[in-house]
Amino acid sequence: MYVSLEEHRPDYKKNISREEYKRLMGSIGPSALLFFEHLLAEVPTHWSPMTRGILKLKKRFTDVQIDLSCKRALHYRAFSYQQVKRICENELYKQNYDEMSPMVYSSEYEHELGLYDRLTN
């Protein structure tokens, strides 16, 4: 039987603690840290791969861009890696928050469809 030593594992296979992820997200910025805390609460079974994905965005985007994207995702309660990635790619973090209104959900199946236009423009 073979036992792998943690220090021999490649980086992508190392076990990272929740506290380490929290520290890494905090190093990006305060909105990224808050986004991480919401991930823990909203998607307790998938927060780890989503967090890894957000951290890998550092290869293509600056910490400021990622932090602003996390801030925008928080505003729209879009708690997923894919949403943060799309915000970064489409530079939606540059839009003024004055133009943004929070999503309002009703108990019925209707809401203002113009919100979708503002998300993508």
PDB file of N, CA and C in Angstrom:
ATOM      1  N   MET A   1       0.841  -1.170   0.000  1.00  0.00           N
ATOM      2  CA  MET A   1       0.000   0.000   0.000  1.00  0.00           C
ATOM      3  C   MET A   1       0.890   1.238   0.000  1.00  0.00           C
ATOM      4  N   TYR A   2       0.516   2.211  -0.822  1.00  0.00           N
ATOM      5  CA  TYR A   2       1.277   3.446  -0.917  1.00  0.00           C
ATOM      6  C   TYR A   2       0.495   4.590  -0.275  1.00  0.00           C
ATOM      7  N   VAL A   3       1.219   5.443   0.374  1.00  0.00           N
ATOM      8  CA  VAL A   3       0.618   6.623   0.978  1.00  0.00           C
ATOM      9  C   VAL A   3       1.322   7.848   0.400  1.00  0.00           C
ATOM     10  N   SER A   4       0.542   8.739  -0.182  1.00  0.00           N
ATOM     11  CA  SER A   4       1.117   9.967  -0.743  1.00  0.00           C
ATOM     12  C   SER A   4       1.343  10.985   0.353  1.00  0.00           C
ATOM     13  N   LEU A   5       2.508  11.563   0.342  1.00  0.00           N
ATOM     14  CA  LEU A   5       2.769  12.655   1.266  1.00  0.00           C
ATOM     15  C   LEU A   5       2.187  13.928   0.665  1.00  0.00           C
ATOM     16  N   GLU A   6       1.617  14.755   1.517  1.00  0.00           N
ATOM     17  CA  GLU A   6       0.961  15.978   1.047  1.00  0.00           C
ATOM     18  C   GLU A   6       1.919  16.864   0.249  1.00  0.00           C
ATOM     19  N   GLU A   7       3.161  16.966   0.688  1.00  0.00           N
ATOM     20  CA  GLU A   7       4.117  17.845   0.000  1.00  0.00           C
ATOM     21  C   GLU A   7       4.539  17.306  -1.368  1.00  0.00           C
ATOM     22  N   HIS A   8       4.268  16.013  -1.649  1.00  0.00           N
ATOM     23  CA  HIS A   8       4.609  15.442  -2.947  1.00  0.00           C
ATOM     24  C   HIS A   8       3.502  15.614  -3.980  1.00  0.00           C
ATOM     25  N   ARG A   9       2.336  15.990  -3.523  1.00  0.00           N
ATOM     26  CA  ARG A   9       1.205  16.147  -4.440  1.00  0.00           C
ATOM     27  C   ARG A   9       1.373  17.409  -5.276  1.00  0.00           C
ATOM     28  N   PRO A  10       0.899  17.363  -6.525  1.00  0.00           N
ATOM     29  CA  PRO A  10       0.889  18.604  -7.308  1.00  0.00           C
ATOM     30  C   PRO A  10      -0.102  19.598  -6.688  1.00  0.00           C
ATOM     31  N   ASP A  11       0.086  20.881  -6.977  1.00  0.00           N
ATOM     32  CA  ASP A  11      -0.738  21.917  -6.359  1.00  0.00           C
ATOM     33  C   ASP A  11      -2.231  21.686  -6.542  1.00  0.00           C
ATOM     34  N   TYR A  12      -2.631  21.254  -7.741  1.00  0.00           N
ATOM     35  CA  TYR A  12      -4.062  21.099  -7.995  1.00  0.00           C
ATOM     36  C   TYR A  12      -4.683  19.913  -7.246  1.00  0.00           C
ATOM     37  N   LYS A  13      -3.873  19.067  -6.635  1.00  0.00           N
ATOM     38  CA  LYS A  13      -4.409  17.931  -5.884  1.00  0.00           C
ATOM     39  C   LYS A  13      -4.236  18.067  -4.372  1.00  0.00           C
ATOM     40  N   LYS A  14      -3.631  19.148  -3.934  1.00  0.00           N
ATOM     41  CA  LYS A  14      -3.427  19.328  -2.501  1.00  0.00           C
ATOM     42  C   LYS A  14      -4.748  19.656  -1.814  1.00  0.00           C
ATOM     43  N   ASN A  15      -4.892  19.129  -0.619  1.00  0.00           N
ATOM     44  CA  ASN A  15      -6.065  19.441   0.183  1.00  0.00           C
ATOM     45  C   ASN A  15      -5.881  20.827   0.796  1.00  0.00           C
ATOM     46  N   ILE A  16      -6.791  21.720   0.474  1.00  0.00           N
ATOM     47  CA  ILE A  16      -6.718  23.078   0.990  1.00  0.00           C
ATOM     48  C   ILE A  16      -7.851  23.265   1.995  1.00  0.00           C
ATOM     49  N   SER A  17      -7.524  23.827   3.119  1.00  0.00           N
ATOM     50  CA  SER A  17      -8.529  24.023   4.167  1.00  0.00           C
ATOM     51  C   SER A  17      -9.433  25.201   3.841  1.00  0.00           C
ATOM     52  N   ARG A  18     -10.560  25.230   4.492  1.00  0.00           N
ATOM     53  CA  ARG A  18     -11.506  26.333   4.341  1.00  0.00           C
ATOM     54  C   ARG A  18     -10.858  27.657   4.734  1.00  0.00           C
ATOM     55  N   GLU A  19     -10.035  27.624   5.777  1.00  0.00           N
ATOM     56  CA  GLU A  19      -9.362  28.837   6.241  1.00  0.00           C
ATOM     57  C   GLU A  19      -8.366  29.342   5.193  1.00  0.00           C
ATOM     58  N   GLU A  20      -7.693  28.423   4.508  1.00  0.00           N
ATOM     59  CA  GLU A  20      -6.743  28.814   3.467  1.00  0.00           C
ATOM     60  C   GLU A  20      -7.480  29.441   2.273  1.00  0.00           C
ATOM     61  N   TYR A  21      -8.611  28.838   1.884  1.00  0.00           N
ATOM     62  CA  TYR A  21      -9.414  29.432   0.814  1.00  0.00           C
ATOM     63  C   TYR A  21      -9.887  30.828   1.228  1.00  0.00           C
ATOM     64  N   LYS A  22     -10.292  30.959   2.475  1.00  0.00           N
ATOM     65  CA  LYS A  22     -10.752  32.256   2.974  1.00  0.00           C
ATOM     66  C   LYS A  22      -9.628  33.288   2.897  1.00  0.00           C
ATOM     67  N   ARG A  23      -8.429  32.892   3.253  1.00  0.00           N
ATOM     68  CA  ARG A  23      -7.280  33.793   3.197  1.00  0.00           C
ATOM     69  C   ARG A  23      -6.981  34.189   1.744  1.00  0.00           C
ATOM     70  N   LEU A  24      -7.024  33.207   0.834  1.00  0.00           N
ATOM     71  CA  LEU A  24      -6.740  33.482  -0.575  1.00  0.00           C
ATOM     72  C   LEU A  24      -7.791  34.406  -1.195  1.00  0.00           C
ATOM     73  N   MET A  25      -9.041  34.182  -0.878  1.00  0.00           N
ATOM     74  CA  MET A  25     -10.098  35.054  -1.400  1.00  0.00           C
ATOM     75  C   MET A  25      -9.984  36.453  -0.789  1.00  0.00           C
ATOM     76  N   GLY A  26      -9.611  36.521   0.486  1.00  0.00           N
ATOM     77  CA  GLY A  26      -9.416  37.809   1.137  1.00  0.00           C
ATOM     78  C   GLY A  26      -8.269  38.590   0.537  1.00  0.00           C
ATOM     79  N   SER A  27      -7.276  37.879  -0.001  1.00  0.00           N
ATOM     80  CA  SER A  27      -6.147  38.572  -0.629  1.00  0.00           C
ATOM     81  C   SER A  27      -6.551  39.234  -1.947  1.00  0.00           C
ATOM     82  N   ILE A  28      -7.645  38.770  -2.553  1.00  0.00           N
ATOM     83  CA  ILE A  28      -8.160  39.395  -3.777  1.00  0.00           C
ATOM     84  C   ILE A  28      -8.826  40.720  -3.424  1.00  0.00           C
ATOM     85  N   GLY A  29      -9.645  40.705  -2.375  1.00  0.00           N
ATOM     86  CA  GLY A  29     -10.323  41.928  -1.967  1.00  0.00           C
ATOM     87  C   GLY A  29     -11.494  41.634  -1.044  1.00  0.00           C
ATOM     88  N   PRO A  30     -12.084  42.676  -0.458  1.00  0.00           N
ATOM     89  CA  PRO A  30     -13.175  42.480   0.505  1.00  0.00           C
ATOM     90  C   PRO A  30     -14.437  41.888  -0.127  1.00  0.00           C
ATOM     91  N   SER A  31     -14.740  42.251  -1.357  1.00  0.00           N
ATOM     92  CA  SER A  31     -15.938  41.694  -2.006  1.00  0.00           C
ATOM     93  C   SER A  31     -15.755  40.220  -2.326  1.00  0.00           C
ATOM     94  N   ALA A  32     -14.539  39.836  -2.689  1.00  0.00           N
ATOM     95  CA  ALA A  32     -14.257  38.421  -2.964  1.00  0.00           C
ATOM     96  C   ALA A  32     -14.405  37.602  -1.682  1.00  0.00           C
ATOM     97  N   LEU A  33     -13.953  38.154  -0.567  1.00  0.00           N
ATOM     98  CA  LEU A  33     -14.091  37.462   0.715  1.00  0.00           C
ATOM     99  C   LEU A  33     -15.560  37.312   1.089  1.00  0.00           C
ATOM    100  N   LEU A  34     -16.339  38.370   0.916  1.00  0.00           N
ATOM    101  CA  LEU A  34     -17.768  38.313   1.201  1.00  0.00           C
ATOM    102  C   LEU A  34     -18.467  37.323   0.270  1.00  0.00           C
ATOM    103  N   PHE A  35     -18.051  37.285  -0.993  1.00  0.00           N
ATOM    104  CA  PHE A  35     -18.600  36.333  -1.955  1.00  0.00           C
ATOM    105  C   PHE A  35     -18.309  34.908  -1.497  1.00  0.00           C
ATOM    106  N   PHE A  36     -17.086  34.676  -1.010  1.00  0.00           N
ATOM    107  CA  PHE A  36     -16.712  33.350  -0.509  1.00  0.00           C
ATOM    108  C   PHE A  36     -17.616  32.938   0.651  1.00  0.00           C
ATOM    109  N   GLU A  37     -17.861  33.853   1.573  1.00  0.00           N
ATOM    110  CA  GLU A  37     -18.718  33.541   2.722  1.00  0.00           C
ATOM    111  C   GLU A  37     -20.142  33.220   2.278  1.00  0.00           C
ATOM    112  N   HIS A  38     -20.617  33.920   1.247  1.00  0.00           N
ATOM    113  CA  HIS A  38     -21.945  33.614   0.714  1.00  0.00           C
ATOM    114  C   HIS A  38     -21.947  32.262  -0.002  1.00  0.00           C
ATOM    115  N   LEU A  39     -20.857  31.926  -0.672  1.00  0.00           N
ATOM    116  CA  LEU A  39     -20.764  30.609  -1.310  1.00  0.00           C
ATOM    117  C   LEU A  39     -20.901  29.504  -0.274  1.00  0.00           C
ATOM    118  N   LEU A  40     -20.226  29.667   0.846  1.00  0.00           N
ATOM    119  CA  LEU A  40     -20.304  28.662   1.910  1.00  0.00           C
ATOM    120  C   LEU A  40     -21.741  28.448   2.362  1.00  0.00           C
ATOM    121  N   ALA A  41     -22.475  29.546   2.471  1.00  0.00           N
ATOM    122  CA  ALA A  41     -23.852  29.459   2.961  1.00  0.00           C
ATOM    123  C   ALA A  41     -24.828  28.990   1.880  1.00  0.00           C
ATOM    124  N   GLU A  42     -24.650  29.477   0.658  1.00  0.00           N
ATOM    125  CA  GLU A  42     -25.620  29.211  -0.405  1.00  0.00           C
ATOM    126  C   GLU A  42     -25.411  27.870  -1.118  1.00  0.00           C
ATOM    127  N   VAL A  43     -24.162  27.481  -1.319  1.00  0.00           N
ATOM    128  CA  VAL A  43     -23.870  26.223  -2.016  1.00  0.00           C
ATOM    129  C   VAL A  43     -22.861  25.406  -1.194  1.00  0.00           C
ATOM    130  N   PRO A  44     -23.293  24.883  -0.060  1.00  0.00           N
ATOM    131  CA  PRO A  44     -22.360  24.200   0.836  1.00  0.00           C
ATOM    132  C   PRO A  44     -21.710  22.954   0.242  1.00  0.00           C
ATOM    133  N   THR A  45     -22.286  22.387  -0.797  1.00  0.00           N
ATOM    134  CA  THR A  45     -21.697  21.171  -1.376  1.00  0.00           C
ATOM    135  C   THR A  45     -20.725  21.458  -2.511  1.00  0.00           C
ATOM    136  N   HIS A  46     -20.751  22.674  -3.088  1.00  0.00           N
ATOM    137  CA  HIS A  46     -19.914  22.968  -4.255  1.00  0.00           C
ATOM    138  C   HIS A  46     -19.052  24.211  -4.104  1.00  0.00           C
ATOM    139  N   TRP A  47     -18.918  24.729  -2.900  1.00  0.00           N
ATOM    140  CA  TRP A  47     -18.151  25.966  -2.712  1.00  0.00           C
ATOM    141  C   TRP A  47     -16.679  25.786  -3.060  1.00  0.00           C
ATOM    142  N   SER A  48     -16.130  24.608  -2.837  1.00  0.00           N
ATOM    143  CA  SER A  48     -14.704  24.395  -3.058  1.00  0.00           C
ATOM    144  C   SER A  48     -14.313  24.493  -4.540  1.00  0.00           C
ATOM    145  N   PRO A  49     -14.963  23.764  -5.452  1.00  0.00           N
ATOM    146  CA  PRO A  49     -14.576  23.911  -6.865  1.00  0.00           C
ATOM    147  C   PRO A  49     -14.882  25.306  -7.410  1.00  0.00           C
ATOM    148  N   MET A  50     -15.948  25.933  -6.929  1.00  0.00           N
ATOM    149  CA  MET A  50     -16.252  27.288  -7.379  1.00  0.00           C
ATOM    150  C   MET A  50     -15.170  28.262  -6.922  1.00  0.00           C
ATOM    151  N   THR A  51     -14.712  28.098  -5.695  1.00  0.00           N
ATOM    152  CA  THR A  51     -13.660  28.963  -5.168  1.00  0.00           C
ATOM    153  C   THR A  51     -12.362  28.752  -5.934  1.00  0.00           C
ATOM    154  N   ARG A  52     -12.026  27.497  -6.231  1.00  0.00           N
ATOM    155  CA  ARG A  52     -10.825  27.225  -7.028  1.00  0.00           C
ATOM    156  C   ARG A  52     -10.918  27.898  -8.387  1.00  0.00           C
ATOM    157  N   GLY A  53     -12.096  27.844  -9.001  1.00  0.00           N
ATOM    158  CA  GLY A  53     -12.288  28.481 -10.291  1.00  0.00           C
ATOM    159  C   GLY A  53     -12.080  29.986 -10.220  1.00  0.00           C
ATOM    160  N   ILE A  54     -12.625  30.610  -9.196  1.00  0.00           N
ATOM    161  CA  ILE A  54     -12.462  32.058  -9.033  1.00  0.00           C
ATOM    162  C   ILE A  54     -10.994  32.397  -8.815  1.00  0.00           C
ATOM    163  N   LEU A  55     -10.310  31.592  -8.029  1.00  0.00           N
ATOM    164  CA  LEU A  55      -8.884  31.846  -7.799  1.00  0.00           C
ATOM    165  C   LEU A  55      -8.079  31.674  -9.089  1.00  0.00           C
ATOM    166  N   LYS A  56      -8.488  30.765  -9.960  1.00  0.00           N
ATOM    167  CA  LYS A  56      -7.783  30.574 -11.231  1.00  0.00           C
ATOM    168  C   LYS A  56      -8.017  31.726 -12.202  1.00  0.00           C
ATOM    169  N   LEU A  57      -9.052  32.515 -11.963  1.00  0.00           N
ATOM    170  CA  LEU A  57      -9.278  33.689 -12.808  1.00  0.00           C
ATOM    171  C   LEU A  57      -8.125  34.684 -12.695  1.00  0.00           C
ATOM    172  N   LYS A  58      -7.318  34.545 -11.649  1.00  0.00           N
ATOM    173  CA  LYS A  58      -6.174  35.442 -11.460  1.00  0.00           C
ATOM    174  C   LYS A  58      -5.155  35.298 -12.586  1.00  0.00           C
ATOM    175  N   LYS A  59      -5.213  34.210 -13.325  1.00  0.00           N
ATOM    176  CA  LYS A  59      -4.308  34.029 -14.464  1.00  0.00           C
ATOM    177  C   LYS A  59      -4.651  34.983 -15.613  1.00  0.00           C
ATOM    178  N   ARG A  60      -5.929  35.381 -15.694  1.00  0.00           N
ATOM    179  CA  ARG A  60      -6.395  36.208 -16.811  1.00  0.00           C
ATOM    180  C   ARG A  60      -6.811  37.618 -16.411  1.00  0.00           C
ATOM    181  N   PHE A  61      -7.144  37.803 -15.138  1.00  0.00           N
ATOM    182  CA  PHE A  61      -7.684  39.083 -14.693  1.00  0.00           C
ATOM    183  C   PHE A  61      -6.950  39.555 -13.443  1.00  0.00           C
ATOM    184  N   THR A  62      -7.006  40.864 -13.205  1.00  0.00           N
ATOM    185  CA  THR A  62      -6.366  41.422 -12.013  1.00  0.00           C
ATOM    186  C   THR A  62      -7.244  41.175 -10.784  1.00  0.00           C
ATOM    187  N   ASP A  63      -6.635  41.344  -9.616  1.00  0.00           N
ATOM    188  CA  ASP A  63      -7.389  41.200  -8.371  1.00  0.00           C
ATOM    189  C   ASP A  63      -8.529  42.208  -8.306  1.00  0.00           C
ATOM    190  N   VAL A  64      -8.288  43.413  -8.785  1.00  0.00           N
ATOM    191  CA  VAL A  64      -9.317  44.461  -8.768  1.00  0.00           C
ATOM    192  C   VAL A  64     -10.504  44.055  -9.637  1.00  0.00           C
ATOM    193  N   GLN A  65     -10.232  43.525 -10.829  1.00  0.00           N
ATOM    194  CA  GLN A  65     -11.304  43.094 -11.721  1.00  0.00           C
ATOM    195  C   GLN A  65     -12.122  41.965 -11.097  1.00  0.00           C
ATOM    196  N   ILE A  66     -11.451  41.017 -10.486  1.00  0.00           N
ATOM    197  CA  ILE A  66     -12.148  39.890  -9.864  1.00  0.00           C
ATOM    198  C   ILE A  66     -12.961  40.370  -8.673  1.00  0.00           C
ATOM    199  N   ASP A  67     -12.385  41.265  -7.869  1.00  0.00           N
ATOM    200  CA  ASP A  67     -13.099  41.770  -6.697  1.00  0.00           C
ATOM    201  C   ASP A  67     -14.352  42.544  -7.112  1.00  0.00           C
ATOM    202  N   LEU A  68     -14.226  43.390  -8.132  1.00  0.00           N
ATOM    203  CA  LEU A  68     -15.392  44.140  -8.617  1.00  0.00           C
ATOM    204  C   LEU A  68     -16.441  43.196  -9.218  1.00  0.00           C
ATOM    205  N   SER A  69     -15.993  42.128  -9.854  1.00  0.00           N
ATOM    206  CA  SER A  69     -16.923  41.138 -10.412  1.00  0.00           C
ATOM    207  C   SER A  69     -17.657  40.403  -9.302  1.00  0.00           C
ATOM    208  N   CYS A  70     -16.946  40.090  -8.223  1.00  0.00           N
ATOM    209  CA  CYS A  70     -17.592  39.452  -7.068  1.00  0.00           C
ATOM    210  C   CYS A  70     -18.603  40.400  -6.441  1.00  0.00           C
ATOM    211  N   LYS A  71     -18.276  41.681  -6.404  1.00  0.00           N
ATOM    212  CA  LYS A  71     -19.199  42.676  -5.845  1.00  0.00           C
ATOM    213  C   LYS A  71     -20.486  42.725  -6.668  1.00  0.00           C
ATOM    214  N   ARG A  72     -20.332  42.714  -7.985  1.00  0.00           N
ATOM    215  CA  ARG A  72     -21.511  42.739  -8.858  1.00  0.00           C
ATOM    216  C   ARG A  72     -22.325  41.451  -8.710  1.00  0.00           C
ATOM    217  N   ALA A  73     -21.652  40.315  -8.649  1.00  0.00           N
ATOM    218  CA  ALA A  73     -22.353  39.033  -8.468  1.00  0.00           C
ATOM    219  C   ALA A  73     -23.107  39.019  -7.140  1.00  0.00           C
ATOM    220  N   LEU A  74     -22.511  39.575  -6.106  1.00  0.00           N
ATOM    221  CA  LEU A  74     -23.198  39.670  -4.820  1.00  0.00           C
ATOM    222  C   LEU A  74     -24.450  40.522  -4.934  1.00  0.00           C
ATOM    223  N   HIS A  75     -24.347  41.624  -5.661  1.00  0.00           N
ATOM    224  CA  HIS A  75     -25.486  42.520  -5.825  1.00  0.00           C
ATOM    225  C   HIS A  75     -26.673  41.790  -6.442  1.00  0.00           C
ATOM    226  N   TYR A  76     -26.395  40.928  -7.417  1.00  0.00           N
ATOM    227  CA  TYR A  76     -27.451  40.190  -8.099  1.00  0.00           C
ATOM    228  C   TYR A  76     -27.694  38.805  -7.503  1.00  0.00           C
ATOM    229  N   ARG A  77     -27.019  38.513  -6.391  1.00  0.00           N
ATOM    230  CA  ARG A  77     -27.162  37.211  -5.717  1.00  0.00           C
ATOM    231  C   ARG A  77     -26.890  36.056  -6.697  1.00  0.00           C
ATOM    232  N   ALA A  78     -25.870  36.239  -7.528  1.00  0.00           N
ATOM    233  CA  ALA A  78     -25.468  35.235  -8.510  1.00  0.00           C
ATOM    234  C   ALA A  78     -24.256  34.500  -7.946  1.00  0.00           C
ATOM    235  N   PHE A  79     -24.506  33.505  -7.125  1.00  0.00           N
ATOM    236  CA  PHE A  79     -23.435  32.821  -6.400  1.00  0.00           C
ATOM    237  C   PHE A  79     -22.915  31.625  -7.181  1.00  0.00           C
ATOM    238  N   SER A  80     -22.150  31.906  -8.235  1.00  0.00           N
ATOM    239  CA  SER A  80     -21.521  30.818  -8.976  1.00  0.00           C
ATOM    240  C   SER A  80     -20.248  31.327  -9.647  1.00  0.00           C
ATOM    241  N   TYR A  81     -19.351  30.409  -9.864  1.00  0.00           N
ATOM    242  CA  TYR A  81     -18.096  30.726 -10.563  1.00  0.00           C
ATOM    243  C   TYR A  81     -18.382  31.233 -11.970  1.00  0.00           C
ATOM    244  N   GLN A  82     -19.321  30.587 -12.662  1.00  0.00           N
ATOM    245  CA  GLN A  82     -19.620  30.955 -14.049  1.00  0.00           C
ATOM    246  C   GLN A  82     -20.073  32.406 -14.146  1.00  0.00           C
ATOM    247  N   GLN A  83     -20.865  32.866 -13.192  1.00  0.00           N
ATOM    248  CA  GLN A  83     -21.337  34.245 -13.233  1.00  0.00           C
ATOM    249  C   GLN A  83     -20.184  35.226 -13.035  1.00  0.00           C
ATOM    250  N   VAL A  84     -19.307  34.933 -12.090  1.00  0.00           N
ATOM    251  CA  VAL A  84     -18.155  35.805 -11.850  1.00  0.00           C
ATOM    252  C   VAL A  84     -17.261  35.828 -13.084  1.00  0.00           C
ATOM    253  N   LYS A  85     -17.063  34.668 -13.692  1.00  0.00           N
ATOM    254  CA  LYS A  85     -16.241  34.580 -14.900  1.00  0.00           C
ATOM    255  C   LYS A  85     -16.841  35.410 -16.035  1.00  0.00           C
ATOM    256  N   ARG A  86     -18.151  35.304 -16.235  1.00  0.00           N
ATOM    257  CA  ARG A  86     -18.808  36.073 -17.302  1.00  0.00           C
ATOM    258  C   ARG A  86     -18.735  37.572 -17.041  1.00  0.00           C
ATOM    259  N   ILE A  87     -18.880  37.960 -15.795  1.00  0.00           N
ATOM    260  CA  ILE A  87     -18.777  39.379 -15.456  1.00  0.00           C
ATOM    261  C   ILE A  87     -17.371  39.884 -15.793  1.00  0.00           C
ATOM    262  N   CYS A  88     -16.353  39.096 -15.483  1.00  0.00           N
ATOM    263  CA  CYS A  88     -14.977  39.468 -15.815  1.00  0.00           C
ATOM    264  C   CYS A  88     -14.785  39.553 -17.326  1.00  0.00           C
ATOM    265  N   GLU A  89     -15.210  38.522 -18.026  1.00  0.00           N
ATOM    266  CA  GLU A  89     -14.995  38.451 -19.474  1.00  0.00           C
ATOM    267  C   GLU A  89     -15.706  39.583 -20.218  1.00  0.00           C
ATOM    268  N   ASN A  90     -16.909  39.919 -19.786  1.00  0.00           N
ATOM    269  CA  ASN A  90     -17.705  40.941 -20.470  1.00  0.00           C
ATOM    270  C   ASN A  90     -17.505  42.340 -19.876  1.00  0.00           C
ATOM    271  N   GLU A  91     -16.593  42.425 -18.922  1.00  0.00           N
ATOM    272  CA  GLU A  91     -16.266  43.690 -18.254  1.00  0.00           C
ATOM    273  C   GLU A  91     -17.500  44.390 -17.692  1.00  0.00           C
ATOM    274  N   LEU A  92     -18.422  43.601 -17.189  1.00  0.00           N
ATOM    275  CA  LEU A  92     -19.648  44.160 -16.615  1.00  0.00           C
ATOM    276  C   LEU A  92     -19.382  44.879 -15.301  1.00  0.00           C
ATOM    277  N   TYR A  93     -18.229  44.617 -14.700  1.00  0.00           N
ATOM    278  CA  TYR A  93     -17.882  45.284 -13.449  1.00  0.00           C
ATOM    279  C   TYR A  93     -17.678  46.781 -13.648  1.00  0.00           C
ATOM    280  N   LYS A  94     -17.553  47.227 -14.903  1.00  0.00           N
ATOM    281  CA  LYS A  94     -17.351  48.646 -15.199  1.00  0.00           C
ATOM    282  C   LYS A  94     -18.650  49.456 -15.153  1.00  0.00           C
ATOM    283  N   GLN A  95     -19.792  48.776 -15.160  1.00  0.00           N
ATOM    284  CA  GLN A  95     -21.068  49.482 -15.162  1.00  0.00           C
ATOM    285  C   GLN A  95     -21.294  50.148 -13.808  1.00  0.00           C
ATOM    286  N   ASN A  96     -21.902  51.331 -13.855  1.00  0.00           N
ATOM    287  CA  ASN A  96     -22.217  52.045 -12.619  1.00  0.00           C
ATOM    288  C   ASN A  96     -23.273  51.305 -11.814  1.00  0.00           C
ATOM    289  N   TYR A  97     -23.135  51.398 -10.520  1.00  0.00           N
ATOM    290  CA  TYR A  97     -24.140  50.781  -9.666  1.00  0.00           C
ATOM    291  C   TYR A  97     -25.408  51.618  -9.623  1.00  0.00           C
ATOM    292  N   ASP A  98     -25.322  52.879 -10.064  1.00  0.00           N
ATOM    293  CA  ASP A  98     -26.527  53.697 -10.156  1.00  0.00           C
ATOM    294  C   ASP A  98     -27.486  53.119 -11.190  1.00  0.00           C
ATOM    295  N   GLU A  99     -26.909  52.511 -12.227  1.00  0.00           N
ATOM    296  CA  GLU A  99     -27.716  51.934 -13.299  1.00  0.00           C
ATOM    297  C   GLU A  99     -28.304  50.587 -12.893  1.00  0.00           C
ATOM    298  N   MET A 100     -27.743  49.997 -11.878  1.00  0.00           N
ATOM    299  CA  MET A 100     -28.150  48.646 -11.504  1.00  0.00           C
ATOM    300  C   MET A 100     -29.228  48.697 -10.432  1.00  0.00           C
ATOM    301  N   SER A 101     -30.242  47.935 -10.619  1.00  0.00           N
ATOM    302  CA  SER A 101     -31.236  47.784  -9.571  1.00  0.00           C
ATOM    303  C   SER A 101     -31.230  46.326  -9.145  1.00  0.00           C
ATOM    304  N   PRO A 102     -31.393  46.079  -7.871  1.00  0.00           N
ATOM    305  CA  PRO A 102     -31.361  44.686  -7.424  1.00  0.00           C
ATOM    306  C   PRO A 102     -32.541  43.904  -7.988  1.00  0.00           C
ATOM    307  N   MET A 103     -32.305  42.623  -8.175  1.00  0.00           N
ATOM    308  CA  MET A 103     -33.370  41.766  -8.665  1.00  0.00           C
ATOM    309  C   MET A 103     -34.447  41.652  -7.592  1.00  0.00           C
ATOM    310  N   VAL A 104     -35.681  41.841  -8.001  1.00  0.00           N
ATOM    311  CA  VAL A 104     -36.798  41.728  -7.075  1.00  0.00           C
ATOM    312  C   VAL A 104     -37.607  40.523  -7.519  1.00  0.00           C
ATOM    313  N   TYR A 105     -37.741  39.580  -6.635  1.00  0.00           N
ATOM    314  CA  TYR A 105     -38.486  38.372  -6.960  1.00  0.00           C
ATOM    315  C   TYR A 105     -39.878  38.463  -6.361  1.00  0.00           C
ATOM    316  N   SER A 106     -40.843  38.079  -7.130  1.00  0.00           N
ATOM    317  CA  SER A 106     -42.207  38.080  -6.620  1.00  0.00           C
ATOM    318  C   SER A 106     -42.619  36.647  -6.344  1.00  0.00           C
ATOM    319  N   SER A 107     -43.734  36.505  -5.690  1.00  0.00           N
ATOM    320  CA  SER A 107     -44.228  35.160  -5.423  1.00  0.00           C
ATOM    321  C   SER A 107     -44.864  34.574  -6.680  1.00  0.00           C
ATOM    322  N   GLU A 108     -45.055  35.406  -7.684  1.00  0.00           N
ATOM    323  CA  GLU A 108     -45.623  34.964  -8.945  1.00  0.00           C
ATOM    324  C   GLU A 108     -44.487  34.702  -9.936  1.00  0.00           C
ATOM    325  N   TYR A 109     -44.835  34.377 -11.146  1.00  0.00           N
ATOM    326  CA  TYR A 109     -43.838  34.078 -12.167  1.00  0.00           C
ATOM    327  C   TYR A 109     -43.592  35.278 -13.074  1.00  0.00           C
ATOM    328  N   GLU A 110     -43.440  36.449 -12.505  1.00  0.00           N
ATOM    329  CA  GLU A 110     -43.207  37.608 -13.344  1.00  0.00           C
ATOM    330  C   GLU A 110     -42.251  38.577 -12.666  1.00  0.00           C
ATOM    331  N   HIS A 111     -41.463  39.248 -13.460  1.00  0.00           N
ATOM    332  CA  HIS A 111     -40.646  40.368 -13.024  1.00  0.00           C
ATOM    333  C   HIS A 111     -40.230  41.146 -14.270  1.00  0.00           C
ATOM    334  N   GLU A 112     -39.689  42.310 -14.052  1.00  0.00           N
ATOM    335  CA  GLU A 112     -39.368  43.171 -15.173  1.00  0.00           C
ATOM    336  C   GLU A 112     -38.255  42.566 -16.023  1.00  0.00           C
ATOM    337  N   LEU A 113     -38.538  42.290 -17.278  1.00  0.00           N
ATOM    338  CA  LEU A 113     -37.567  41.650 -18.159  1.00  0.00           C
ATOM    339  C   LEU A 113     -36.471  42.607 -18.597  1.00  0.00           C
ATOM    340  N   GLY A 114     -36.672  43.900 -18.430  1.00  0.00           N
ATOM    341  CA  GLY A 114     -35.647  44.879 -18.768  1.00  0.00           C
ATOM    342  C   GLY A 114     -34.388  44.717 -17.935  1.00  0.00           C
ATOM    343  N   LEU A 115     -34.489  44.058 -16.785  1.00  0.00           N
ATOM    344  CA  LEU A 115     -33.307  43.805 -15.940  1.00  0.00           C
ATOM    345  C   LEU A 115     -32.289  42.964 -16.692  1.00  0.00           C
ATOM    346  N   TYR A 116     -32.744  42.042 -17.511  1.00  0.00           N
ATOM    347  CA  TYR A 116     -31.808  41.198 -18.257  1.00  0.00           C
ATOM    348  C   TYR A 116     -31.011  42.022 -19.268  1.00  0.00           C
ATOM    349  N   ASP A 117     -31.664  42.996 -19.890  1.00  0.00           N
ATOM    350  CA  ASP A 117     -30.963  43.861 -20.834  1.00  0.00           C
ATOM    351  C   ASP A 117     -29.875  44.630 -20.140  1.00  0.00           C
ATOM    352  N   ARG A 118     -30.141  45.125 -18.936  1.00  0.00           N
ATOM    353  CA  ARG A 118     -29.142  45.896 -18.199  1.00  0.00           C
ATOM    354  C   ARG A 118     -27.984  45.021 -17.729  1.00  0.00           C
ATOM    355  N   LEU A 119     -28.223  43.745 -17.531  1.00  0.00           N
ATOM    356  CA  LEU A 119     -27.143  42.837 -17.114  1.00  0.00           C
ATOM    357  C   LEU A 119     -26.143  42.614 -18.239  1.00  0.00           C
ATOM    358  N   THR A 120     -26.602  42.571 -19.457  1.00  0.00           N
ATOM    359  CA  THR A 120     -25.728  42.215 -20.570  1.00  0.00           C
ATOM    360  C   THR A 120     -25.247  43.405 -21.373  1.00  0.00           C
ATOM    361  N   ASN A 121     -25.782  44.577 -21.138  1.00  0.00           N
ATOM    362  CA  ASN A 121     -25.351  45.767 -21.904  1.00  0.00           C
ATOM    363  C   ASN A 121     -24.409  46.613 -21.115  1.00  0.00           C
TER     364      ASN A 121
END
